[in-house]
Every structure is written in C-alpha cells, then in structure tokens.
PDB file of N, CA and C in Angstrom:
ATOM      1  N   MET A   1     253.826  13.798 -82.317  1.00  0.00           N
ATOM      2  CA  MET A   1     253.634  12.231 -82.929  1.00  0.00           C
ATOM      3  C   MET A   1     253.786  11.292 -81.529  1.00  0.00           C
ATOM      4  N   LEU A   2     254.860  11.992 -80.336  1.00  0.00           N
ATOM      5  CA  LEU A   2     254.528  11.734 -79.313  1.00  0.00           C
ATOM      6  C   LEU A   2     253.460  11.637 -78.554  1.00  0.00           C
ATOM      7  N   THR A   3     252.591  12.956 -79.092  1.00  0.00           N
ATOM      8  CA  THR A   3     251.017  12.800 -77.896  1.00  0.00           C
ATOM      9  C   THR A   3     250.081  11.472 -78.599  1.00  0.00           C
ATOM     10  N   GLN A   4     250.506  11.546 -80.064  1.00  0.00           N
ATOM     11  CA  GLN A   4     249.332  10.282 -80.671  1.00  0.00           C
ATOM     12  C   GLN A   4     249.988   9.166 -79.253  1.00  0.00           C
ATOM     13  N   ILE A   5     251.299   9.295 -79.577  1.00  0.00           N
ATOM     14  CA  ILE A   5     251.958   7.599 -79.302  1.00  0.00           C
ATOM     15  C   ILE A   5     250.682   7.025 -77.180  1.00  0.00           C
ATOM     16  N   ALA A   6     251.719   8.696 -76.389  1.00  0.00           N
ATOM     17  CA  ALA A   6     251.475   8.271 -74.789  1.00  0.00           C
ATOM     18  C   ALA A   6     249.158   8.839 -75.257  1.00  0.00           C
ATOM     19  N   ILE A   7     248.618   8.452 -76.425  1.00  0.00           N
ATOM     20  CA  ILE A   7     247.464   8.497 -76.005  1.00  0.00           C
ATOM     21  C   ILE A   7     247.239   7.153 -76.248  1.00  0.00           C
ATOM     22  N   LEU A   8     247.866   6.496 -77.507  1.00  0.00           N
ATOM     23  CA  LEU A   8     247.133   5.450 -77.548  1.00  0.00           C
ATOM     24  C   LEU A   8     247.867   4.444 -76.853  1.00  0.00           C
ATOM     25  N   VAL A   9     249.045   4.456 -76.104  1.00  0.00           N
ATOM     26  CA  VAL A   9     249.553   3.689 -75.001  1.00  0.00           C
ATOM     27  C   VAL A   9     248.330   3.690 -73.525  1.00  0.00           C
ATOM     28  N   CYS A  10     247.606   4.498 -73.238  1.00  0.00           N
ATOM     29  CA  CYS A  10     246.969   4.994 -72.545  1.00  0.00           C
ATOM     30  C   CYS A  10     245.651   5.016 -73.154  1.00  0.00           C
ATOM     31  N   SER A  11     245.599   4.546 -73.330  1.00  0.00           N
ATOM     32  CA  SER A  11     243.919   3.790 -74.862  1.00  0.00           C
ATOM     33  C   SER A  11     243.864   2.284 -74.338  1.00  0.00           C
ATOM     34  N   LYS A  12     245.052   1.698 -74.671  1.00  0.00           N
ATOM     35  CA  LYS A  12     245.693   0.600 -74.190  1.00  0.00           C
ATOM     36  C   LYS A  12     245.707  -0.278 -72.354  1.00  0.00           C
ATOM     37  N   VAL A  13     245.990   0.536 -72.219  1.00  0.00           N
ATOM     38  CA  VAL A  13     245.837   0.100 -70.521  1.00  0.00           C
ATOM     39  C   VAL A  13     244.781   0.580 -70.165  1.00  0.00           C
ATOM     40  N   ALA A  14     244.286   1.652 -70.456  1.00  0.00           N
ATOM     41  CA  ALA A  14     242.741   1.803 -70.550  1.00  0.00           C
ATOM     42  C   ALA A  14     241.880   0.490 -70.649  1.00  0.00           C
ATOM     43  N   ALA A  15     242.288   0.460 -71.854  1.00  0.00           N
ATOM     44  CA  ALA A  15     240.985  -1.184 -72.050  1.00  0.00           C
ATOM     45  C   ALA A  15     241.316  -2.671 -72.125  1.00  0.00           C
ATOM     46  N   ILE A  16     242.129  -2.567 -71.285  1.00  0.00           N
ATOM     47  CA  ILE A  16     242.795  -3.546 -70.179  1.00  0.00           C
ATOM     48  C   ILE A  16     242.639  -3.816 -69.334  1.00  0.00           C
ATOM     49  N   LEU A  17     242.537  -2.101 -68.336  1.00  0.00           N
ATOM     50  CA  LEU A  17     241.735  -1.794 -66.881  1.00  0.00           C
ATOM     51  C   LEU A  17     240.177  -2.035 -67.391  1.00  0.00           C
ATOM     52  N   LEU A  18     239.797  -1.490 -67.914  1.00  0.00           N
ATOM     53  CA  LEU A  18     237.936  -1.704 -68.505  1.00  0.00           C
ATOM     54  C   LEU A  18     237.305  -3.138 -68.422  1.00  0.00           C
ATOM     55  N   CYS A  19     238.644  -3.465 -69.424  1.00  0.00           N
ATOM     56  CA  CYS A  19     238.356  -5.130 -69.207  1.00  0.00           C
ATOM     57  C   CYS A  19     238.031  -6.167 -67.782  1.00  0.00           C
ATOM     58  N   LYS A  20     238.622  -5.328 -66.955  1.00  0.00           N
ATOM     59  CA  LYS A  20     238.987  -5.860 -65.699  1.00  0.00           C
ATOM     60  C   LYS A  20     237.433  -5.616 -64.877  1.00  0.00           C
ATOM     61  N   ILE A  21     237.319  -4.074 -65.261  1.00  0.00           N
ATOM     62  CA  ILE A  21     236.419  -3.438 -64.258  1.00  0.00           C
ATOM     63  C   ILE A  21     235.202  -4.337 -65.076  1.00  0.00           C
ATOM     64  N   TYR A  22     234.819  -4.747 -66.365  1.00  0.00           N
ATOM     65  CA  TYR A  22     233.609  -5.123 -66.650  1.00  0.00           C
ATOM     66  C   TYR A  22     233.364  -6.617 -66.520  1.00  0.00           C
ATOM     67  N   LYS A  23     234.728  -7.419 -66.525  1.00  0.00           N
ATOM     68  CA  LYS A  23     234.329  -8.997 -65.030  1.00  0.00           C
ATOM     69  C   LYS A  23     234.055  -8.234 -64.204  1.00  0.00           C
ATOM     70  N   LEU A  24     234.669  -7.577 -63.474  1.00  0.00           N
ATOM     71  CA  LEU A  24     234.003  -7.251 -61.905  1.00  0.00           C
ATOM     72  C   LEU A  24     232.774  -6.996 -61.447  1.00  0.00           C
ATOM     73  N   ALA A  25     232.441  -6.328 -62.629  1.00  0.00           N
ATOM     74  CA  ALA A  25     230.971  -5.408 -62.614  1.00  0.00           C
ATOM     75  C   ALA A  25     230.082  -6.251 -62.402  1.00  0.00           C
ATOM     76  N   THR A  26     229.974  -7.358 -63.270  1.00  0.00           N
ATOM     77  CA  THR A  26     229.762  -9.153 -64.191  1.00  0.00           C
ATOM     78  C   THR A  26     229.535  -9.831 -62.900  1.00  0.00           C
ATOM     79  N   ASN A  27     230.464  -9.996 -62.279  1.00  0.00           N
ATOM     80  CA  ASN A  27     230.514 -10.785 -60.496  1.00  0.00           C
ATOM     81  C   ASN A  27     229.597 -10.131 -59.745  1.00  0.00           C
ATOM     82  N   LEU A  28     230.206  -8.481 -59.857  1.00  0.00           N
ATOM     83  CA  LEU A  28     229.202  -7.517 -58.417  1.00  0.00           C
ATOM     84  C   LEU A  28     227.661  -8.340 -58.584  1.00  0.00           C
ATOM     85  N   THR A  29     227.285  -8.206 -60.167  1.00  0.00           N
ATOM     86  CA  THR A  29     225.903  -8.187 -59.655  1.00  0.00           C
ATOM     87  C   THR A  29     225.039  -9.546 -59.510  1.00  0.00           C
ATOM     88  N   ARG A  30     225.569 -10.534 -59.612  1.00  0.00           N
ATOM     89  CA  ARG A  30     225.810 -12.162 -59.455  1.00  0.00           C
ATOM     90  C   ARG A  30     225.136 -12.112 -57.365  1.00  0.00           C
ATOM     91  N   GLN A  31     226.189 -11.468 -57.246  1.00  0.00           N
ATOM     92  CA  GLN A  31     226.318 -11.189 -55.667  1.00  0.00           C
ATOM     93  C   GLN A  31     224.755 -10.300 -55.025  1.00  0.00           C
ATOM     94  N   GLU A  32     225.182 -10.416 -53.408  1.00  0.00           N
ATOM     95  CA  GLU A  32     224.223 -10.262 -52.656  1.00  0.00           C
ATOM     96  C   GLU A  32     224.425  -8.533 -51.778  1.00  0.00           C
ATOM     97  N   CYS A  33     225.384  -8.199 -52.298  1.00  0.00           N
ATOM     98  CA  CYS A  33     226.477  -6.767 -52.083  1.00  0.00           C
ATOM     99  C   CYS A  33     225.357  -5.823 -52.360  1.00  0.00           C
ATOM    100  N   LYS A  34     226.103  -5.337 -52.357  1.00  0.00           N
ATOM    101  CA  LYS A  34     225.493  -3.005 -52.946  1.00  0.00           C
ATOM    102  C   LYS A  34     226.697  -3.205 -54.276  1.00  0.00           C
ATOM    103  N   PRO A  35     225.687  -3.640 -54.938  1.00  0.00           N
ATOM    104  CA  PRO A  35     226.950  -3.198 -56.157  1.00  0.00           C
ATOM    105  C   PRO A  35     227.117  -2.173 -56.907  1.00  0.00           C
ATOM    106  N   GLU A  36     226.330  -1.080 -56.513  1.00  0.00           N
ATOM    107  CA  GLU A  36     226.337   0.510 -57.071  1.00  0.00           C
ATOM    108  C   GLU A  36     227.463   1.137 -56.180  1.00  0.00           C
ATOM    109  N   THR A  37     227.701   0.619 -54.428  1.00  0.00           N
ATOM    110  CA  THR A  37     229.030   1.321 -54.040  1.00  0.00           C
ATOM    111  C   THR A  37     229.805   0.624 -54.679  1.00  0.00           C
ATOM    112  N   SER A  38     230.516  -0.986 -54.643  1.00  0.00           N
ATOM    113  CA  SER A  38     231.281  -1.415 -55.061  1.00  0.00           C
ATOM    114  C   SER A  38     231.941  -1.363 -56.177  1.00  0.00           C
ATOM    115  N   LEU A  39     230.768  -0.782 -57.033  1.00  0.00           N
ATOM    116  CA  LEU A  39     231.157  -0.305 -59.166  1.00  0.00           C
ATOM    117  C   LEU A  39     231.526   1.041 -58.400  1.00  0.00           C
ATOM    118  N   GLN A  40     231.351   2.013 -57.642  1.00  0.00           N
ATOM    119  CA  GLN A  40     231.636   3.395 -57.726  1.00  0.00           C
ATOM    120  C   GLN A  40     232.979   3.443 -56.986  1.00  0.00           C
ATOM    121  N   HIS A  41     233.332   2.002 -55.855  1.00  0.00           N
ATOM    122  CA  HIS A  41     234.990   1.996 -55.758  1.00  0.00           C
ATOM    123  C   HIS A  41     235.731   1.644 -56.891  1.00  0.00           C
ATOM    124  N   VAL A  42     235.238   0.925 -57.260  1.00  0.00           N
ATOM    125  CA  VAL A  42     236.089   0.264 -59.288  1.00  0.00           C
ATOM    126  C   VAL A  42     236.214   1.491 -59.824  1.00  0.00           C
ATOM    127  N   ASN A  43     235.425   2.104 -60.336  1.00  0.00           N
ATOM    128  CA  ASN A  43     235.473   2.817 -60.675  1.00  0.00           C
ATOM    129  C   ASN A  43     236.346   4.796 -60.621  1.00  0.00           C
ATOM    130  N   VAL A  44     236.501   4.488 -59.267  1.00  0.00           N
ATOM    131  CA  VAL A  44     237.856   5.304 -58.688  1.00  0.00           C
ATOM    132  C   VAL A  44     239.191   4.561 -58.750  1.00  0.00           C
ATOM    133  N   SER A  45     238.980   3.456 -58.635  1.00  0.00           N
ATOM    134  CA  SER A  45     240.406   2.974 -58.241  1.00  0.00           C
ATOM    135  C   SER A  45     240.863   3.069 -60.014  1.00  0.00           C
ATOM    136  N   PHE A  46     240.041   2.866 -61.174  1.00  0.00           N
ATOM    137  CA  PHE A  46     240.474   2.055 -62.485  1.00  0.00           C
ATOM    138  C   PHE A  46     240.781   4.138 -63.108  1.00  0.00           C
ATOM    139  N   GLU A  47     240.316   4.716 -62.495  1.00  0.00           N
ATOM    140  CA  GLU A  47     240.526   6.209 -62.893  1.00  0.00           C
ATOM    141  C   GLU A  47     242.323   6.757 -62.410  1.00  0.00           C
ATOM    142  N   VAL A  48     241.868   5.686 -61.250  1.00  0.00           N
ATOM    143  CA  VAL A  48     243.620   6.791 -60.289  1.00  0.00           C
ATOM    144  C   VAL A  48     244.965   5.569 -60.773  1.00  0.00           C
ATOM    145  N   THR A  49     244.155   4.664 -61.114  1.00  0.00           N
ATOM    146  CA  THR A  49     245.286   3.696 -61.548  1.00  0.00           C
ATOM    147  C   THR A  49     245.253   4.187 -63.355  1.00  0.00           C
ATOM    148  N   THR A  50     244.987   4.295 -63.936  1.00  0.00           N
ATOM    149  CA  THR A  50     244.987   4.856 -65.623  1.00  0.00           C
ATOM    150  C   THR A  50     245.534   6.006 -65.039  1.00  0.00           C
ATOM    151  N   ARG A  51     245.542   7.081 -64.581  1.00  0.00           N
ATOM    152  CA  ARG A  51     246.664   8.368 -64.718  1.00  0.00           C
ATOM    153  C   ARG A  51     247.630   7.646 -63.831  1.00  0.00           C
ATOM    154  N   ARG A  52     248.088   7.325 -62.934  1.00  0.00           N
ATOM    155  CA  ARG A  52     248.688   6.556 -62.367  1.00  0.00           C
ATOM    156  C   ARG A  52     249.934   6.157 -63.480  1.00  0.00           C
ATOM    157  N   THR A  53     249.281   5.235 -64.309  1.00  0.00           N
ATOM    158  CA  THR A  53     250.479   4.634 -65.209  1.00  0.00           C
ATOM    159  C   THR A  53     250.665   5.053 -66.640  1.00  0.00           C
ATOM    160  N   CYS A  54     249.368   5.508 -66.554  1.00  0.00           N
ATOM    161  CA  CYS A  54     250.157   6.700 -68.028  1.00  0.00           C
ATOM    162  C   CYS A  54     250.902   7.372 -67.821  1.00  0.00           C
ATOM    163  N   SER A  55     250.606   8.469 -67.217  1.00  0.00           N
ATOM    164  CA  SER A  55     251.725   9.538 -66.473  1.00  0.00           C
ATOM    165  C   SER A  55     253.847   8.841 -66.147  1.00  0.00           C
ATOM    166  N   LYS A  56     253.130   7.499 -65.433  1.00  0.00           N
ATOM    167  CA  LYS A  56     254.765   6.627 -65.662  1.00  0.00           C
ATOM    168  C   LYS A  56     254.927   6.457 -67.240  1.00  0.00           C
ATOM    169  N   LEU A  57     254.556   5.415 -67.989  1.00  0.00           N
ATOM    170  CA  LEU A  57     254.274   5.376 -69.264  1.00  0.00           C
ATOM    171  C   LEU A  57     255.342   6.652 -69.953  1.00  0.00           C
ATOM    172  N   VAL A  58     254.203   7.878 -69.838  1.00  0.00           N
ATOM    173  CA  VAL A  58     254.584   9.108 -70.409  1.00  0.00           C
ATOM    174  C   VAL A  58     255.900   9.568 -70.007  1.00  0.00           C
ATOM    175  N   THR A  59     257.360   9.251 -68.668  1.00  0.00           N
ATOM    176  CA  THR A  59     257.803   9.373 -68.736  1.00  0.00           C
ATOM    177  C   THR A  59     259.249   8.849 -68.621  1.00  0.00           C
ATOM    178  N   SER A  60     258.161   7.486 -68.942  1.00  0.00           N
ATOM    179  CA  SER A  60     259.436   6.560 -69.274  1.00  0.00           C
ATOM    180  C   SER A  60     260.027   6.318 -70.629  1.00  0.00           C
ATOM    181  N   ASN A  61     261.072   5.750 -70.625  1.00  0.00           N
ATOM    182  CA  ASN A  61     261.483   5.114 -71.646  1.00  0.00           C
ATOM    183  C   ASN A  61     260.973   3.958 -72.142  1.00  0.00           C
ATOM    184  N   SER A  62     260.110   3.892 -71.772  1.00  0.00           N
ATOM    185  CA  SER A  62     259.640   2.050 -71.891  1.00  0.00           C
ATOM    186  C   SER A  62     258.180   2.515 -73.255  1.00  0.00           C
ATOM    187  N   LEU A  63     257.898   4.236 -73.499  1.00  0.00           N
ATOM    188  CA  LEU A  63     257.047   4.255 -73.871  1.00  0.00           C
ATOM    189  C   LEU A  63     257.955   3.872 -75.303  1.00  0.00           C
ATOM    190  N   GLN A  64     258.501   4.615 -75.455  1.00  0.00           N
ATOM    191  CA  GLN A  64     259.542   4.426 -76.558  1.00  0.00           C
ATOM    192  C   GLN A  64     259.352   2.918 -77.578  1.00  0.00           C
ATOM    193  N   THR A  65     259.820   1.587 -76.900  1.00  0.00           N
ATOM    194  CA  THR A  65     259.615   1.160 -76.832  1.00  0.00           C
ATOM    195  C   THR A  65     258.090   0.092 -77.623  1.00  0.00           C
ATOM    196  N   ILE A  66     257.260   0.962 -76.955  1.00  0.00           N
ATOM    197  CA  ILE A  66     255.887   0.434 -76.804  1.00  0.00           C
ATOM    198  C   ILE A  66     255.810   0.469 -78.693  1.00  0.00           C
ATOM    199  N   ALA A  67     256.107   2.332 -78.347  1.00  0.00           N
ATOM    200  CA  ALA A  67     255.875   2.884 -79.567  1.00  0.00           C
ATOM    201  C   ALA A  67     256.288   2.122 -81.094  1.00  0.00           C
ATOM    202  N   LYS A  68     257.511   1.501 -80.673  1.00  0.00           N
ATOM    203  CA  LYS A  68     258.226   1.113 -81.812  1.00  0.00           C
ATOM    204  C   LYS A  68     257.260   0.181 -82.101  1.00  0.00           C
ATOM    205  N   THR A  69     256.830  -0.958 -81.055  1.00  0.00           N
ATOM    206  CA  THR A  69     256.350  -2.200 -81.782  1.00  0.00           C
ATOM    207  C   THR A  69     254.940  -1.876 -82.114  1.00  0.00           C
ATOM    208  N   GLU A  70     254.415  -1.150 -81.212  1.00  0.00           N
ATOM    209  CA  GLU A  70     252.229  -1.317 -81.078  1.00  0.00           C
ATOM    210  C   GLU A  70     252.099   0.128 -81.753  1.00  0.00           C
ATOM    211  N   TYR A  71     252.435   1.124 -82.071  1.00  0.00           N
ATOM    212  CA  TYR A  71     251.882   1.901 -83.015  1.00  0.00           C
ATOM    213  C   TYR A  71     251.115   2.035 -84.446  1.00  0.00           C
ATOM    214  N   GLU A  72     251.718   1.347 -84.429  1.00  0.00           N
ATOM    215  CA  GLU A  72     251.516   1.137 -86.576  1.00  0.00           C
ATOM    216  C   GLU A  72     250.247   0.683 -86.791  1.00  0.00           C
ATOM    217  N   HIS A  73     250.520  -1.064 -86.244  1.00  0.00           N
ATOM    218  CA  HIS A  73     249.108  -1.768 -86.100  1.00  0.00           C
ATOM    219  C   HIS A  73     248.808  -2.232 -85.382  1.00  0.00           C
ATOM    220  N   SER A  74     247.870  -1.290 -83.949  1.00  0.00           N
ATOM    221  CA  SER A  74     247.200  -1.095 -83.135  1.00  0.00           C
ATOM    222  C   SER A  74     246.194  -0.429 -82.910  1.00  0.00           C
ATOM    223  N   LEU A  75     246.952   1.055 -84.036  1.00  0.00           N
ATOM    224  CA  LEU A  75     246.087   2.266 -83.432  1.00  0.00           C
ATOM    225  C   LEU A  75     244.460   2.055 -83.779  1.00  0.00           C
ATOM    226  N   GLY A  76     243.771   2.162 -84.647  1.00  0.00           N
ATOM    227  CA  GLY A  76     242.372   0.930 -85.059  1.00  0.00           C
ATOM    228  C   GLY A  76     241.983   0.122 -84.125  1.00  0.00           C
ATOM    229  N   LEU A  77     242.563  -1.156 -84.146  1.00  0.00           N
ATOM    230  CA  LEU A  77     241.918  -1.888 -83.318  1.00  0.00           C
ATOM    231  C   LEU A  77     242.369  -1.837 -81.654  1.00  0.00           C
ATOM    232  N   GLU A  78     242.676  -0.721 -81.138  1.00  0.00           N
ATOM    233  CA  GLU A  78     242.529  -0.138 -79.923  1.00  0.00           C
ATOM    234  C   GLU A  78     241.468   0.856 -79.581  1.00  0.00           C
ATOM    235  N   LEU A  79     241.125   1.653 -80.382  1.00  0.00           N
ATOM    236  CA  LEU A  79     239.611   2.239 -80.400  1.00  0.00           C
ATOM    237  C   LEU A  79     238.256   1.773 -80.236  1.00  0.00           C
ATOM    238  N   ALA A  80     238.009  -0.027 -81.723  1.00  0.00           N
ATOM    239  CA  ALA A  80     237.184  -0.891 -81.244  1.00  0.00           C
ATOM    240  C   ALA A  80     237.516  -1.841 -80.307  1.00  0.00           C
ATOM    241  N   THR A  81     238.265  -1.789 -80.163  1.00  0.00           N
ATOM    242  CA  THR A  81     238.137  -3.197 -78.462  1.00  0.00           C
ATOM    243  C   THR A  81     238.002  -1.744 -77.659  1.00  0.00           C
ATOM    244  N   TYR A  82     237.609  -0.664 -76.901  1.00  0.00           N
ATOM    245  CA  TYR A  82     237.476  -0.413 -75.893  1.00  0.00           C
ATOM    246  C   TYR A  82     236.047  -0.104 -76.531  1.00  0.00           C
ATOM    247  N   ARG A  83     235.277   0.670 -77.597  1.00  0.00           N
ATOM    248  CA  ARG A  83     234.461   0.643 -78.360  1.00  0.00           C
ATOM    249  C   ARG A  83     233.532  -0.593 -77.560  1.00  0.00           C
ATOM    250  N   LEU A  84     234.004  -1.315 -77.729  1.00  0.00           N
ATOM    251  CA  LEU A  84     232.817  -3.088 -77.522  1.00  0.00           C
ATOM    252  C   LEU A  84     232.776  -3.139 -76.212  1.00  0.00           C
ATOM    253  N   LEU A  85     234.148  -3.006 -75.653  1.00  0.00           N
ATOM    254  CA  LEU A  85     234.364  -2.881 -73.746  1.00  0.00           C
ATOM    255  C   LEU A  85     233.374  -1.989 -73.299  1.00  0.00           C
ATOM    256  N   ILE A  86     233.109  -1.186 -74.206  1.00  0.00           N
ATOM    257  CA  ILE A  86     232.101  -0.028 -73.477  1.00  0.00           C
ATOM    258  C   ILE A  86     230.760  -0.341 -73.417  1.00  0.00           C
ATOM    259  N   GLY A  87     230.578  -1.000 -74.295  1.00  0.00           N
ATOM    260  CA  GLY A  87     228.572  -0.891 -74.883  1.00  0.00           C
ATOM    261  C   GLY A  87     228.558  -2.297 -73.550  1.00  0.00           C
ATOM    262  N   ARG A  88     229.329  -3.372 -73.914  1.00  0.00           N
ATOM    263  CA  ARG A  88     229.484  -4.778 -72.818  1.00  0.00           C
ATOM    264  C   ARG A  88     229.017  -4.335 -71.269  1.00  0.00           C
ATOM    265  N   PHE A  89     229.909  -3.305 -71.350  1.00  0.00           N
ATOM    266  CA  PHE A  89     229.343  -2.889 -69.298  1.00  0.00           C
ATOM    267  C   PHE A  89     228.505  -1.955 -69.287  1.00  0.00           C
ATOM    268  N   ASN A  90     228.226  -1.411 -70.738  1.00  0.00           N
ATOM    269  CA  ASN A  90     226.586  -0.784 -69.909  1.00  0.00           C
ATOM    270  C   ASN A  90     225.485  -1.059 -70.128  1.00  0.00           C
ATOM    271  N   HIS A  91     225.879  -2.684 -70.974  1.00  0.00           N
ATOM    272  CA  HIS A  91     224.642  -3.545 -71.294  1.00  0.00           C
ATOM    273  C   HIS A  91     224.323  -4.224 -70.029  1.00  0.00           C
ATOM    274  N   SER A  92     225.892  -4.642 -69.170  1.00  0.00           N
ATOM    275  CA  SER A  92     225.959  -5.217 -68.041  1.00  0.00           C
ATOM    276  C   SER A  92     225.067  -4.922 -67.231  1.00  0.00           C
ATOM    277  N   LEU A  93     225.180  -2.749 -67.051  1.00  0.00           N
ATOM    278  CA  LEU A  93     224.807  -2.572 -65.483  1.00  0.00           C
ATOM    279  C   LEU A  93     222.969  -2.280 -66.097  1.00  0.00           C
ATOM    280  N   ARG A  94     222.807  -1.885 -67.126  1.00  0.00           N
ATOM    281  CA  ARG A  94     221.198  -2.017 -67.548  1.00  0.00           C
ATOM    282  C   ARG A  94     220.531  -3.531 -67.013  1.00  0.00           C
ATOM    283  N   LEU A  95     220.692  -4.544 -67.245  1.00  0.00           N
ATOM    284  CA  LEU A  95     221.095  -5.844 -67.031  1.00  0.00           C
ATOM    285  C   LEU A  95     220.664  -5.847 -65.517  1.00  0.00           C
ATOM    286  N   THR A  96     221.335  -5.437 -64.654  1.00  0.00           N
ATOM    287  CA  THR A  96     221.650  -5.078 -63.183  1.00  0.00           C
ATOM    288  C   THR A  96     220.498  -4.845 -62.666  1.00  0.00           C
ATOM    289  N   PRO A  97     219.231  -6.011 -61.380  1.00  0.00           N
ATOM    290  CA  PRO A  97     218.304  -5.811 -61.081  1.00  0.00           C
ATOM    291  C   PRO A  97     218.294  -4.194 -60.552  1.00  0.00           C
ATOM    292  N   SER A  98     217.424  -3.593 -60.030  1.00  0.00           N
ATOM    293  CA  SER A  98     217.377  -2.206 -59.441  1.00  0.00           C
ATOM    294  C   SER A  98     216.732  -2.489 -58.063  1.00  0.00           C
TER     295      SER A  98
END
C-alpha cells in the first residue's frame, strides 16, 4: 500500500514538473536560441528535481497526509494527465524546425 502511495505522489509531482517543462519547451521553440541544448538542461533538471522531491516525500510524514486525501480519487486521473502531457510535449517537439 505504501509503495502505491509513493508512486501516486511521485507521479503527481512528475505531472506538475512535466507541465512546466512543456511550457518551457514551447517557449524555447519560439526563441532564436539553441532549444536542443536548453531542453536537455531542462530534462536533466527535471529528473534531479523529481528524484529529490520523491525521496523527501517518501521519507516524510506528509506522504501519509497526501495519501489520505489524494489516493482514492486521483489514481486514474494522474495517469491520464501524464499521458496527455507527454503526448502534447512530444507533439511540440515534432513541430520544432530542425
């Protein structure tokens, strides 16, 4: 049960951060900088932030609080949200001029 809760919380954090990456990637495609380099930096930062945040949540008492309020009604929604954001993010990358 605790593992499922940890996965739920981490997926929620990942979805929030992925949304921020999507917005940043969209902005980078409109600028005259090197979006590939900047996007790589954002991806590395995203992975590090996600790992740190999830590690802190798993070891803290806030995980139990979040679990009580979020677990039952958010499980299906988070996966759907994550898939939607991934689809939009991948689509925006395909539209980026080479």
